[in-house]
Amino acid sequence: MSYPLIILGAGASFDCVPEIRHASKERFRPPLTKNLFDKQFEDIINKYSEVKDLASSILASLRGGDNFEKILSDIKEKSQKNPDRLKQLVDFEMYLQDLFKQISNEFGNQTGSNYGALIQEINDGFKRACIVNFNYDLLLEEALKEKITEDLNSYIDSTIKIIKIHGSCDWVYSIYDLFNDIKDPRKFLLENPLFTEQRRKEKTQRICRKKDYVVSNGAGKKFLYCPAIAIPLYGKDGFVCPKSHIDALEGALAQVDRILIIGWAANDQCLIDLIKDKIKRPIGITTVAGNESEINDIFGKFSESNFKRAAGFVGFSNFMGSKECKTFFGTA
């Protein structure tokens, strides 16, 4: 039985609604990575003073022609010697959480979602799939309706497994159990960036879904949470999701017989290495991107002999309903 691996990048969420029916929703269209600091998000950026400084640096470099992920990776490297840079990155995580929560709330629930059509194609065809979703938003979860619950196991317990290897806007790490109230969680996180970074790396840390930074457990303690989000670095060195999700991904890769890439630039070397390590048999790759050059770049990163170019297609909205889509899912 066919088992597809589907990889969704920022381009998939950007193009997930082919016709935006309400002008008010256009402002909250999910951005491509290079557009994370666009002017329509200025009121959110203004809530995060460290992000304003970070945005100034990144936007200046972008005007010089550099790549967003590469710029941020260089800043991450500098943060090892510059605490101010580390504070900017901590604030950036909180900004991303806030931004994509608002995007999920304001842009979601629209008629004609490509994510809804994608899930329908899976159910009409294979009835199962493994979807690696790089997006922080909740637009794909919305398409899956009641199948995704507060329990993170629900992401992998269904026949359609969702692996958000870079985290989600409603995922958090439990950082610290506090006996005294913290009136300003953001201030605490900014004042303790090394502490929070070290605690998140501990193997015992558990990711869960929470709406607030500080949550009482009803026993006189308050637990501080911070965003479980991997900032967009070039060639990230790890995943931000429960280990059980990576185990589920590895198990799925053993069954995969075709790959569909939508709006992902294939810059995450960890995932590419995992795919190449687990898939040694001949596999066809169908790629959906913004233009032919991007399609060719993606195929170039899977140049080993067992990975074959099945099809390339420009635009998520154009792909859905096309003969290439029907061919991939076997629903013609």
C-alpha atoms as a PDB file:
ATOM      1  CA  MET A   1       0.000   0.000   0.000  1.00  0.00           C
ATOM      2  CA  SER A   2       1.287   3.458  -0.913  1.00  0.00           C
ATOM      3  CA  TYR A   3       2.462   5.675   1.940  1.00  0.00           C
ATOM      4  CA  PRO A   4       3.286   9.300   1.104  1.00  0.00           C
ATOM      5  CA  LEU A   5       5.601  11.658   2.935  1.00  0.00           C
ATOM      6  CA  ILE A   6       4.394  15.257   2.547  1.00  0.00           C
ATOM      7  CA  ILE A   7       6.614  18.161   3.593  1.00  0.00           C
ATOM      8  CA  LEU A   8       5.044  21.590   4.089  1.00  0.00           C
ATOM      9  CA  GLY A   9       7.147  24.753   4.243  1.00  0.00           C
ATOM     10  CA  ALA A  10       6.260  28.424   4.668  1.00  0.00           C
ATOM     11  CA  GLY A  11       5.208  28.628   1.021  1.00  0.00           C
ATOM     12  CA  ALA A  12       2.398  26.137   1.700  1.00  0.00           C
ATOM     13  CA  SER A  13       0.767  28.287   4.392  1.00  0.00           C
ATOM     14  CA  PHE A  14       1.389  31.445   2.350  1.00  0.00           C
ATOM     15  CA  ASP A  15      -0.611  29.917  -0.523  1.00  0.00           C
ATOM     16  CA  CYS A  16      -3.052  27.857   1.547  1.00  0.00           C
ATOM     17  CA  VAL A  17      -6.079  29.998   0.590  1.00  0.00           C
ATOM     18  CA  PRO A  18      -6.299  30.581  -3.170  1.00  0.00           C
ATOM     19  CA  GLU A  19      -8.998  33.245  -2.858  1.00  0.00           C
ATOM     20  CA  ILE A  20      -9.023  35.460   0.236  1.00  0.00           C
ATOM     21  CA  ARG A  21     -12.682  36.443   0.469  1.00  0.00           C
ATOM     22  CA  HIS A  22     -12.375  39.120   3.154  1.00  0.00           C
ATOM     23  CA  ALA A  23      -9.927  42.020   2.755  1.00  0.00           C
ATOM     24  CA  SER A  24      -9.430  42.192   6.534  1.00  0.00           C
ATOM     25  CA  LYS A  25      -7.818  38.732   6.466  1.00  0.00           C
ATOM     26  CA  GLU A  26      -5.160  39.699   3.899  1.00  0.00           C
ATOM     27  CA  ARG A  27      -3.144  41.456   6.609  1.00  0.00           C
ATOM     28  CA  PHE A  28      -2.749  38.161   8.451  1.00  0.00           C
ATOM     29  CA  ARG A  29      -1.730  36.073   5.471  1.00  0.00           C
ATOM     30  CA  PRO A  30       1.038  33.715   6.702  1.00  0.00           C
ATOM     31  CA  PRO A  31       4.358  35.280   5.638  1.00  0.00           C
ATOM     32  CA  LEU A  32       7.272  33.698   3.887  1.00  0.00           C
ATOM     33  CA  THR A  33      10.344  33.631   6.134  1.00  0.00           C
ATOM     34  CA  LYS A  34      11.856  36.698   4.480  1.00  0.00           C
ATOM     35  CA  ASN A  35       8.653  38.644   5.256  1.00  0.00           C
ATOM     36  CA  LEU A  36       8.433  37.970   9.004  1.00  0.00           C
ATOM     37  CA  PHE A  37       9.036  41.662   9.735  1.00  0.00           C
ATOM     38  CA  ASP A  38       6.758  43.146   7.077  1.00  0.00           C
ATOM     39  CA  LYS A  39       4.966  46.391   7.897  1.00  0.00           C
ATOM     40  CA  GLN A  40       1.529  44.793   8.356  1.00  0.00           C
ATOM     41  CA  PHE A  41       2.924  43.155  11.508  1.00  0.00           C
ATOM     42  CA  GLU A  42       4.298  46.421  12.913  1.00  0.00           C
ATOM     43  CA  ASP A  43       1.833  46.599  15.819  1.00  0.00           C
ATOM     44  CA  ILE A  44       2.934  43.133  16.978  1.00  0.00           C
ATOM     45  CA  ILE A  45       6.631  43.934  16.479  1.00  0.00           C
ATOM     46  CA  ASN A  46       6.215  47.061  18.634  1.00  0.00           C
ATOM     47  CA  LYS A  47       5.277  44.870  21.611  1.00  0.00           C
ATOM     48  CA  TYR A  48       8.764  43.311  21.561  1.00  0.00           C
ATOM     49  CA  SER A  49      11.521  45.912  21.941  1.00  0.00           C
ATOM     50  CA  GLU A  50      14.369  43.430  21.423  1.00  0.00           C
ATOM     51  CA  VAL A  51      12.725  42.196  18.229  1.00  0.00           C
ATOM     52  CA  LYS A  52      12.669  45.742  16.866  1.00  0.00           C
ATOM     53  CA  ASP A  53      16.467  45.876  17.161  1.00  0.00           C
ATOM     54  CA  LEU A  54      16.805  42.393  15.673  1.00  0.00           C
ATOM     55  CA  ALA A  55      14.522  43.333  12.775  1.00  0.00           C
ATOM     56  CA  SER A  56      16.627  46.406  12.016  1.00  0.00           C
ATOM     57  CA  SER A  57      19.755  44.242  11.661  1.00  0.00           C
ATOM     58  CA  ILE A  58      18.072  41.596   9.554  1.00  0.00           C
ATOM     59  CA  LEU A  59      16.246  44.002   7.249  1.00  0.00           C
ATOM     60  CA  ALA A  60      19.479  45.880   6.560  1.00  0.00           C
ATOM     61  CA  SER A  61      21.200  42.630   5.576  1.00  0.00           C
ATOM     62  CA  LEU A  62      18.234  41.513   3.476  1.00  0.00           C
ATOM     63  CA  ARG A  63      18.498  44.728   1.480  1.00  0.00           C
ATOM     64  CA  GLY A  64      22.075  43.714   0.789  1.00  0.00           C
ATOM     65  CA  GLY A  65      20.870  40.473  -0.759  1.00  0.00           C
ATOM     66  CA  ASP A  66      21.598  38.045   2.078  1.00  0.00           C
ATOM     67  CA  ASN A  67      19.385  35.068   3.011  1.00  0.00           C
ATOM     68  CA  PHE A  68      17.162  35.427   6.108  1.00  0.00           C
ATOM     69  CA  GLU A  69      18.152  32.074   7.638  1.00  0.00           C
ATOM     70  CA  LYS A  70      21.851  32.730   7.006  1.00  0.00           C
ATOM     71  CA  ILE A  71      21.608  36.195   8.603  1.00  0.00           C
ATOM     72  CA  LEU A  72      19.871  34.806  11.676  1.00  0.00           C
ATOM     73  CA  SER A  73      22.397  31.960  11.913  1.00  0.00           C
ATOM     74  CA  ASP A  74      25.227  34.515  11.981  1.00  0.00           C
ATOM     75  CA  ILE A  75      23.430  36.436  14.747  1.00  0.00           C
ATOM     76  CA  LYS A  76      22.955  33.190  16.692  1.00  0.00           C
ATOM     77  CA  GLU A  77      26.702  32.587  16.433  1.00  0.00           C
ATOM     78  CA  LYS A  78      27.418  36.093  17.744  1.00  0.00           C
ATOM     79  CA  SER A  79      25.024  35.573  20.656  1.00  0.00           C
ATOM     80  CA  GLN A  80      27.542  33.208  22.258  1.00  0.00           C
ATOM     81  CA  LYS A  81      29.685  36.252  23.030  1.00  0.00           C
ATOM     82  CA  ASN A  82      27.042  38.974  23.085  1.00  0.00           C
ATOM     83  CA  PRO A  83      24.224  38.608  25.691  1.00  0.00           C
ATOM     84  CA  ASP A  84      22.234  41.374  24.003  1.00  0.00           C
ATOM     85  CA  ARG A  85      21.988  39.254  20.858  1.00  0.00           C
ATOM     86  CA  LEU A  86      20.796  36.282  22.905  1.00  0.00           C
ATOM     87  CA  LYS A  87      18.047  38.435  24.444  1.00  0.00           C
ATOM     88  CA  GLN A  88      16.958  39.403  20.933  1.00  0.00           C
ATOM     89  CA  LEU A  89      16.618  35.735  19.959  1.00  0.00           C
ATOM     90  CA  VAL A  90      14.611  34.934  23.102  1.00  0.00           C
ATOM     91  CA  ASP A  91      12.294  37.856  22.358  1.00  0.00           C
ATOM     92  CA  PHE A  92      12.067  36.693  18.732  1.00  0.00           C
ATOM     93  CA  GLU A  93      10.683  33.337  19.884  1.00  0.00           C
ATOM     94  CA  MET A  94       7.967  35.129  21.865  1.00  0.00           C
ATOM     95  CA  TYR A  95       7.228  37.344  18.877  1.00  0.00           C
ATOM     96  CA  LEU A  96       6.861  34.317  16.595  1.00  0.00           C
ATOM     97  CA  GLN A  97       4.513  32.672  19.087  1.00  0.00           C
ATOM     98  CA  ASP A  98       2.360  35.808  19.309  1.00  0.00           C
ATOM     99  CA  LEU A  99       2.438  36.480  15.547  1.00  0.00           C
ATOM    100  CA  PHE A 100       1.391  32.992  14.488  1.00  0.00           C
ATOM    101  CA  LYS A 101      -1.284  32.721  17.158  1.00  0.00           C
ATOM    102  CA  GLN A 102      -2.843  35.846  15.680  1.00  0.00           C
ATOM    103  CA  ILE A 103      -2.373  34.559  12.138  1.00  0.00           C
ATOM    104  CA  SER A 104      -4.065  31.282  13.101  1.00  0.00           C
ATOM    105  CA  ASN A 105      -6.985  33.101  14.703  1.00  0.00           C
ATOM    106  CA  GLU A 106      -7.466  35.787  12.038  1.00  0.00           C
ATOM    107  CA  PHE A 107      -6.563  34.002   8.797  1.00  0.00           C
ATOM    108  CA  GLY A 108      -8.017  30.568   9.506  1.00  0.00           C
ATOM    109  CA  ASN A 109     -11.489  29.164   8.938  1.00  0.00           C
ATOM    110  CA  GLN A 110     -11.773  30.298   5.320  1.00  0.00           C
ATOM    111  CA  THR A 111     -13.656  28.535   2.550  1.00  0.00           C
ATOM    112  CA  GLY A 112     -11.521  26.826  -0.073  1.00  0.00           C
ATOM    113  CA  SER A 113      -8.423  26.051   2.017  1.00  0.00           C
ATOM    114  CA  ASN A 114      -5.767  24.082   0.150  1.00  0.00           C
ATOM    115  CA  TYR A 115      -4.993  22.306   3.408  1.00  0.00           C
ATOM    116  CA  GLY A 116      -8.584  21.063   3.521  1.00  0.00           C
ATOM    117  CA  ALA A 117      -8.288  19.896  -0.088  1.00  0.00           C
ATOM    118  CA  LEU A 118      -4.970  18.180   0.698  1.00  0.00           C
ATOM    119  CA  ILE A 119      -6.483  16.206   3.576  1.00  0.00           C
ATOM    120  CA  GLN A 120      -9.412  15.243   1.354  1.00  0.00           C
ATOM    121  CA  GLU A 121      -7.049  13.938  -1.356  1.00  0.00           C
ATOM    122  CA  ILE A 122      -5.296  11.789   1.252  1.00  0.00           C
ATOM    123  CA  ASN A 123      -8.607  10.391   2.519  1.00  0.00           C
ATOM    124  CA  ASP A 124      -9.872   9.748  -1.021  1.00  0.00           C
ATOM    125  CA  GLY A 125      -6.642   8.005  -1.992  1.00  0.00           C
ATOM    126  CA  PHE A 126      -4.226   6.388   0.443  1.00  0.00           C
ATOM    127  CA  LYS A 127      -6.213   7.215   3.614  1.00  0.00           C
ATOM    128  CA  ARG A 128      -2.899   7.598   5.418  1.00  0.00           C
ATOM    129  CA  ALA A 129       0.181   9.813   5.223  1.00  0.00           C
ATOM    130  CA  CYS A 130       2.994  11.357   7.226  1.00  0.00           C
ATOM    131  CA  ILE A 131       3.050  15.162   7.011  1.00  0.00           C
ATOM    132  CA  VAL A 132       6.124  17.062   8.177  1.00  0.00           C
ATOM    133  CA  ASN A 133       4.908  20.601   8.787  1.00  0.00           C
ATOM    134  CA  PHE A 134       7.503  23.356   9.273  1.00  0.00           C
ATOM    135  CA  ASN A 135       4.854  26.013   9.912  1.00  0.00           C
ATOM    136  CA  TYR A 136       4.205  27.453  13.375  1.00  0.00           C
ATOM    137  CA  ASP A 137       0.574  28.271  12.541  1.00  0.00           C
ATOM    138  CA  LEU A 138      -2.470  26.079  13.246  1.00  0.00           C
ATOM    139  CA  LEU A 139      -4.014  26.163   9.779  1.00  0.00           C
ATOM    140  CA  LEU A 140      -3.311  22.498   9.029  1.00  0.00           C
ATOM    141  CA  GLU A 141      -4.651  21.474  12.460  1.00  0.00           C
ATOM    142  CA  GLU A 142      -7.835  23.363  11.588  1.00  0.00           C
ATOM    143  CA  ALA A 143      -8.219  21.252   8.431  1.00  0.00           C
ATOM    144  CA  LEU A 144      -7.945  18.090  10.531  1.00  0.00           C
ATOM    145  CA  LYS A 145     -10.714  19.343  12.850  1.00  0.00           C
ATOM    146  CA  GLU A 146     -11.324  17.192  15.927  1.00  0.00           C
ATOM    147  CA  LYS A 147      -8.446  14.783  15.206  1.00  0.00           C
ATOM    148  CA  ILE A 148      -5.934  17.142  16.868  1.00  0.00           C
ATOM    149  CA  THR A 149      -6.583  17.669  20.580  1.00  0.00           C
ATOM    150  CA  GLU A 150      -4.735  19.145  23.571  1.00  0.00           C
ATOM    151  CA  ASP A 151      -2.866  15.841  23.855  1.00  0.00           C
ATOM    152  CA  LEU A 152       0.240  15.988  21.644  1.00  0.00           C
ATOM    153  CA  ASN A 153      -0.080  12.245  21.044  1.00  0.00           C
ATOM    154  CA  SER A 154      -3.084  13.066  18.859  1.00  0.00           C
ATOM    155  CA  TYR A 155      -0.634  14.410  16.246  1.00  0.00           C
ATOM    156  CA  ILE A 156       0.772  10.922  15.652  1.00  0.00           C
ATOM    157  CA  ASP A 157      -2.007   8.525  16.741  1.00  0.00           C
ATOM    158  CA  SER A 158      -4.086   8.925  13.582  1.00  0.00           C
ATOM    159  CA  THR A 159      -3.587   7.426  10.123  1.00  0.00           C
ATOM    160  CA  ILE A 160      -2.515  10.956   9.083  1.00  0.00           C
ATOM    161  CA  LYS A 161       0.513  11.751  11.226  1.00  0.00           C
ATOM    162  CA  ILE A 162       1.538  15.391  11.690  1.00  0.00           C
ATOM    163  CA  ILE A 163       5.166  16.043  12.646  1.00  0.00           C
ATOM    164  CA  LYS A 164       5.888  19.698  13.494  1.00  0.00           C
ATOM    165  CA  ILE A 165       9.640  19.366  13.860  1.00  0.00           C
ATOM    166  CA  HIS A 166      10.185  23.090  14.449  1.00  0.00           C
ATOM    167  CA  GLY A 167       7.455  23.478  17.049  1.00  0.00           C
ATOM    168  CA  SER A 168       4.169  25.334  17.043  1.00  0.00           C
ATOM    169  CA  CYS A 169       2.744  28.643  18.206  1.00  0.00           C
ATOM    170  CA  ASP A 170       0.744  26.848  20.913  1.00  0.00           C
ATOM    171  CA  TRP A 171       3.517  24.552  22.153  1.00  0.00           C
ATOM    172  CA  VAL A 172       5.596  25.396  25.225  1.00  0.00           C
ATOM    173  CA  TYR A 173       8.391  24.054  27.399  1.00  0.00           C
ATOM    174  CA  SER A 174       7.940  23.897  31.146  1.00  0.00           C
ATOM    175  CA  ILE A 175      10.929  25.945  32.289  1.00  0.00           C
ATOM    176  CA  TYR A 176      10.681  26.383  36.025  1.00  0.00           C
ATOM    177  CA  ASP A 177       8.403  25.746  39.004  1.00  0.00           C
ATOM    178  CA  LEU A 178       8.129  29.004  40.909  1.00  0.00           C
ATOM    179  CA  PHE A 179       6.965  29.552  44.472  1.00  0.00           C
ATOM    180  CA  ASN A 180       6.576  33.301  43.999  1.00  0.00           C
ATOM    181  CA  ASP A 181       4.424  35.027  41.447  1.00  0.00           C
ATOM    182  CA  ILE A 182       6.102  36.410  38.343  1.00  0.00           C
ATOM    183  CA  LYS A 183       4.276  39.517  37.269  1.00  0.00           C
ATOM    184  CA  ASP A 184       6.146  39.868  33.975  1.00  0.00           C
ATOM    185  CA  PRO A 185       7.011  36.477  32.379  1.00  0.00           C
ATOM    186  CA  ARG A 186       8.630  38.080  29.340  1.00  0.00           C
ATOM    187  CA  LYS A 187      10.936  40.144  31.551  1.00  0.00           C
ATOM    188  CA  PHE A 188      11.966  37.018  33.438  1.00  0.00           C
ATOM    189  CA  LEU A 189      12.745  35.146  30.221  1.00  0.00           C
ATOM    190  CA  LEU A 190      14.781  38.056  28.841  1.00  0.00           C
ATOM    191  CA  GLU A 191      16.745  38.388  32.069  1.00  0.00           C
ATOM    192  CA  ASN A 192      17.560  34.666  32.084  1.00  0.00           C
ATOM    193  CA  PRO A 193      18.207  33.730  28.427  1.00  0.00           C
ATOM    194  CA  LEU A 194      21.050  31.295  29.153  1.00  0.00           C
ATOM    195  CA  PHE A 195      19.071  29.619  31.913  1.00  0.00           C
ATOM    196  CA  THR A 196      16.040  29.056  29.723  1.00  0.00           C
ATOM    197  CA  GLU A 197      18.161  27.828  26.805  1.00  0.00           C
ATOM    198  CA  GLN A 198      19.945  25.297  29.023  1.00  0.00           C
ATOM    199  CA  ARG A 199      16.739  24.046  30.591  1.00  0.00           C
ATOM    200  CA  ARG A 200      15.137  23.497  27.187  1.00  0.00           C
ATOM    201  CA  LYS A 201      18.040  21.275  26.176  1.00  0.00           C
ATOM    202  CA  GLU A 202      17.483  18.941  29.125  1.00  0.00           C
ATOM    203  CA  LYS A 203      16.145  15.576  28.001  1.00  0.00           C
ATOM    204  CA  THR A 204      13.569  15.607  30.793  1.00  0.00           C
ATOM    205  CA  GLN A 205      11.875  18.741  29.462  1.00  0.00           C
ATOM    206  CA  ARG A 206       8.360  18.072  28.261  1.00  0.00           C
ATOM    207  CA  ILE A 207       6.600  19.927  25.471  1.00  0.00           C
ATOM    208  CA  CYS A 208       2.898  20.556  25.976  1.00  0.00           C
ATOM    209  CA  ARG A 209       0.130  22.806  24.640  1.00  0.00           C
ATOM    210  CA  LYS A 210      -0.575  25.899  26.769  1.00  0.00           C
ATOM    211  CA  LYS A 211      -2.116  29.290  26.136  1.00  0.00           C
ATOM    212  CA  ASP A 212      -0.241  31.291  28.782  1.00  0.00           C
ATOM    213  CA  TYR A 213       3.345  31.756  29.914  1.00  0.00           C
ATOM    214  CA  VAL A 214       2.514  31.276  33.592  1.00  0.00           C
ATOM    215  CA  VAL A 215       0.053  28.629  34.694  1.00  0.00           C
ATOM    216  CA  SER A 216      -0.924  27.629  38.232  1.00  0.00           C
ATOM    217  CA  ASN A 217      -1.114  23.933  39.043  1.00  0.00           C
ATOM    218  CA  GLY A 218      -3.553  24.555  41.872  1.00  0.00           C
ATOM    219  CA  ALA A 219      -1.101  23.540  44.598  1.00  0.00           C
ATOM    220  CA  GLY A 220       0.384  26.908  45.410  1.00  0.00           C
ATOM    221  CA  LYS A 221       3.037  26.768  42.688  1.00  0.00           C
ATOM    222  CA  LYS A 222       3.203  28.542  39.383  1.00  0.00           C
ATOM    223  CA  PHE A 223       4.951  27.036  36.404  1.00  0.00           C
ATOM    224  CA  LEU A 224       6.696  29.233  33.869  1.00  0.00           C
ATOM    225  CA  TYR A 225       6.507  28.233  30.226  1.00  0.00           C
ATOM    226  CA  CYS A 226       8.402  29.454  27.170  1.00  0.00           C
ATOM    227  CA  PRO A 227       7.725  28.964  23.444  1.00  0.00           C
ATOM    228  CA  ALA A 228       8.617  25.591  21.932  1.00  0.00           C
ATOM    229  CA  ILE A 229       9.682  27.084  18.620  1.00  0.00           C
ATOM    230  CA  ALA A 230      12.828  26.650  16.513  1.00  0.00           C
ATOM    231  CA  ILE A 231      13.769  30.017  15.072  1.00  0.00           C
ATOM    232  CA  PRO A 232      14.472  29.871  11.307  1.00  0.00           C
ATOM    233  CA  LEU A 233      18.203  29.179  11.174  1.00  0.00           C
ATOM    234  CA  TYR A 234      20.076  27.867   8.143  1.00  0.00           C
ATOM    235  CA  GLY A 235      20.642  24.125   8.544  1.00  0.00           C
ATOM    236  CA  LYS A 236      19.172  23.840  12.067  1.00  0.00           C
ATOM    237  CA  ASP A 237      20.980  21.427  14.357  1.00  0.00           C
ATOM    238  CA  GLY A 238      17.979  19.741  15.957  1.00  0.00           C
ATOM    239  CA  PHE A 239      14.234  19.319  16.194  1.00  0.00           C
ATOM    240  CA  VAL A 240      11.747  21.006  18.533  1.00  0.00           C
ATOM    241  CA  CYS A 241       9.057  18.402  19.119  1.00  0.00           C
ATOM    242  CA  PRO A 242       8.473  15.399  21.394  1.00  0.00           C
ATOM    243  CA  LYS A 243      10.831  12.464  20.847  1.00  0.00           C
ATOM    244  CA  SER A 244       7.808  10.251  20.219  1.00  0.00           C
ATOM    245  CA  HIS A 245       7.042  12.365  17.144  1.00  0.00           C
ATOM    246  CA  ILE A 246      10.522  11.778  15.710  1.00  0.00           C
ATOM    247  CA  ASP A 247      10.141   8.067  16.448  1.00  0.00           C
ATOM    248  CA  ALA A 248       6.835   8.124  14.545  1.00  0.00           C
ATOM    249  CA  LEU A 249       8.515   9.931  11.636  1.00  0.00           C
ATOM    250  CA  GLU A 250      11.300   7.360  11.470  1.00  0.00           C
ATOM    251  CA  GLY A 251       8.737   4.558  11.489  1.00  0.00           C
ATOM    252  CA  ALA A 252       6.791   6.228   8.691  1.00  0.00           C
ATOM    253  CA  LEU A 253       9.907   6.717   6.572  1.00  0.00           C
ATOM    254  CA  ALA A 254      10.363   2.941   6.555  1.00  0.00           C
ATOM    255  CA  GLN A 255       7.026   2.717   4.676  1.00  0.00           C
ATOM    256  CA  VAL A 256       7.240   5.788   2.419  1.00  0.00           C
ATOM    257  CA  ASP A 257       7.095   5.120  -1.317  1.00  0.00           C
ATOM    258  CA  ARG A 258       6.698   8.730  -2.594  1.00  0.00           C
ATOM    259  CA  ILE A 259       7.477  12.271  -1.430  1.00  0.00           C
ATOM    260  CA  LEU A 260       5.579  15.515  -1.998  1.00  0.00           C
ATOM    261  CA  ILE A 261       7.298  18.805  -1.088  1.00  0.00           C
ATOM    262  CA  ILE A 262       5.136  21.958  -0.967  1.00  0.00           C
ATOM    263  CA  GLY A 263       6.666  25.372  -0.308  1.00  0.00           C
ATOM    264  CA  TRP A 264       9.778  24.058   1.464  1.00  0.00           C
ATOM    265  CA  ALA A 265      13.230  25.226   0.359  1.00  0.00           C
ATOM    266  CA  ALA A 266      14.919  22.089   1.777  1.00  0.00           C
ATOM    267  CA  ASN A 267      17.267  24.077   4.007  1.00  0.00           C
ATOM    268  CA  ASP A 268      16.887  21.827   7.062  1.00  0.00           C
ATOM    269  CA  GLN A 269      19.834  19.469   6.815  1.00  0.00           C
ATOM    270  CA  CYS A 270      18.695  17.420   9.832  1.00  0.00           C
ATOM    271  CA  LEU A 271      15.524  16.322   8.047  1.00  0.00           C
ATOM    272  CA  ILE A 272      17.307  15.749   4.725  1.00  0.00           C
ATOM    273  CA  ASP A 273      19.898  13.559   6.462  1.00  0.00           C
ATOM    274  CA  LEU A 274      17.175  11.605   8.249  1.00  0.00           C
ATOM    275  CA  ILE A 275      15.290  10.986   4.998  1.00  0.00           C
ATOM    276  CA  LYS A 276      18.448   9.861   3.219  1.00  0.00           C
ATOM    277  CA  ASP A 277      19.398   7.612   6.129  1.00  0.00           C
ATOM    278  CA  LYS A 278      16.022   5.885   6.372  1.00  0.00           C
ATOM    279  CA  ILE A 279      15.085   5.668   2.677  1.00  0.00           C
ATOM    280  CA  LYS A 280      17.481   3.626   0.551  1.00  0.00           C
ATOM    281  CA  ARG A 281      14.992   2.364  -2.051  1.00  0.00           C
ATOM    282  CA  PRO A 282      14.018   4.271  -5.239  1.00  0.00           C
ATOM    283  CA  ILE A 283      11.654   7.139  -4.376  1.00  0.00           C
ATOM    284  CA  GLY A 284       9.968   9.673  -6.647  1.00  0.00           C
ATOM    285  CA  ILE A 285       9.772  13.287  -5.467  1.00  0.00           C
ATOM    286  CA  THR A 286       7.071  15.712  -6.563  1.00  0.00           C
ATOM    287  CA  THR A 287       7.905  19.331  -5.755  1.00  0.00           C
ATOM    288  CA  VAL A 288       5.607  22.354  -5.595  1.00  0.00           C
ATOM    289  CA  ALA A 289       7.393  25.699  -5.316  1.00  0.00           C
ATOM    290  CA  GLY A 290       7.165  29.347  -6.335  1.00  0.00           C
ATOM    291  CA  ASN A 291       9.090  29.041  -9.603  1.00  0.00           C
ATOM    292  CA  GLU A 292      11.173  26.651 -11.715  1.00  0.00           C
ATOM    293  CA  SER A 293      14.462  27.805 -10.200  1.00  0.00           C
ATOM    294  CA  GLU A 294      13.256  26.895  -6.694  1.00  0.00           C
ATOM    295  CA  ILE A 295      12.054  23.525  -7.955  1.00  0.00           C
ATOM    296  CA  ASN A 296      15.472  22.762  -9.438  1.00  0.00           C
ATOM    297  CA  ASP A 297      17.240  23.853  -6.229  1.00  0.00           C
ATOM    298  CA  ILE A 298      15.141  21.448  -4.168  1.00  0.00           C
ATOM    299  CA  PHE A 299      15.735  18.521  -6.506  1.00  0.00           C
ATOM    300  CA  GLY A 300      19.453  19.309  -6.351  1.00  0.00           C
ATOM    301  CA  LYS A 301      19.445  18.637  -2.600  1.00  0.00           C
ATOM    302  CA  PHE A 302      18.133  15.110  -3.229  1.00  0.00           C
ATOM    303  CA  SER A 303      20.608  14.217  -5.945  1.00  0.00           C
ATOM    304  CA  GLU A 304      21.358  10.661  -4.772  1.00  0.00           C
ATOM    305  CA  SER A 305      20.490   7.982  -7.311  1.00  0.00           C
ATOM    306  CA  ASN A 306      17.549   6.523  -5.329  1.00  0.00           C
ATOM    307  CA  PHE A 307      15.684   9.872  -5.352  1.00  0.00           C
ATOM    308  CA  LYS A 308      14.022  10.524  -8.693  1.00  0.00           C
ATOM    309  CA  ARG A 309      12.328  13.656 -10.025  1.00  0.00           C
ATOM    310  CA  ALA A 310       8.690  12.682 -10.499  1.00  0.00           C
ATOM    311  CA  ALA A 311       7.171  16.103 -11.194  1.00  0.00           C
ATOM    312  CA  GLY A 312       7.660  19.806 -10.524  1.00  0.00           C
ATOM    313  CA  PHE A 313       4.784  22.240 -10.222  1.00  0.00           C
ATOM    314  CA  VAL A 314       4.563  25.998  -9.634  1.00  0.00           C
ATOM    315  CA  GLY A 315       2.115  27.097  -6.905  1.00  0.00           C
ATOM    316  CA  PHE A 316       0.195  25.188  -4.199  1.00  0.00           C
ATOM    317  CA  SER A 317      -3.147  26.541  -5.424  1.00  0.00           C
ATOM    318  CA  ASN A 318      -2.337  25.532  -9.006  1.00  0.00           C
ATOM    319  CA  PHE A 319      -1.224  22.077  -7.884  1.00  0.00           C
ATOM    320  CA  MET A 320      -4.431  21.153  -6.038  1.00  0.00           C
ATOM    321  CA  GLY A 321      -6.879  19.707  -8.542  1.00  0.00           C
ATOM    322  CA  SER A 322      -4.218  19.353 -11.255  1.00  0.00           C
ATOM    323  CA  LYS A 323      -3.434  16.076 -12.981  1.00  0.00           C
ATOM    324  CA  GLU A 324      -0.082  16.020 -11.121  1.00  0.00           C
ATOM    325  CA  CYS A 325      -1.972  16.093  -7.819  1.00  0.00           C
ATOM    326  CA  LYS A 326      -4.349  13.320  -8.901  1.00  0.00           C
ATOM    327  CA  THR A 327      -1.406  11.264 -10.142  1.00  0.00           C
ATOM    328  CA  PHE A 328       0.459  11.603  -6.855  1.00  0.00           C
ATOM    329  CA  PHE A 329      -2.514  10.583  -4.710  1.00  0.00           C
ATOM    330  CA  GLY A 330      -3.915   8.057  -7.181  1.00  0.00           C
ATOM    331  CA  THR A 331      -7.322   9.750  -7.212  1.00  0.00           C
ATOM    332  CA  ALA A 332      -7.707  10.352 -10.949  1.00  0.00           C
END
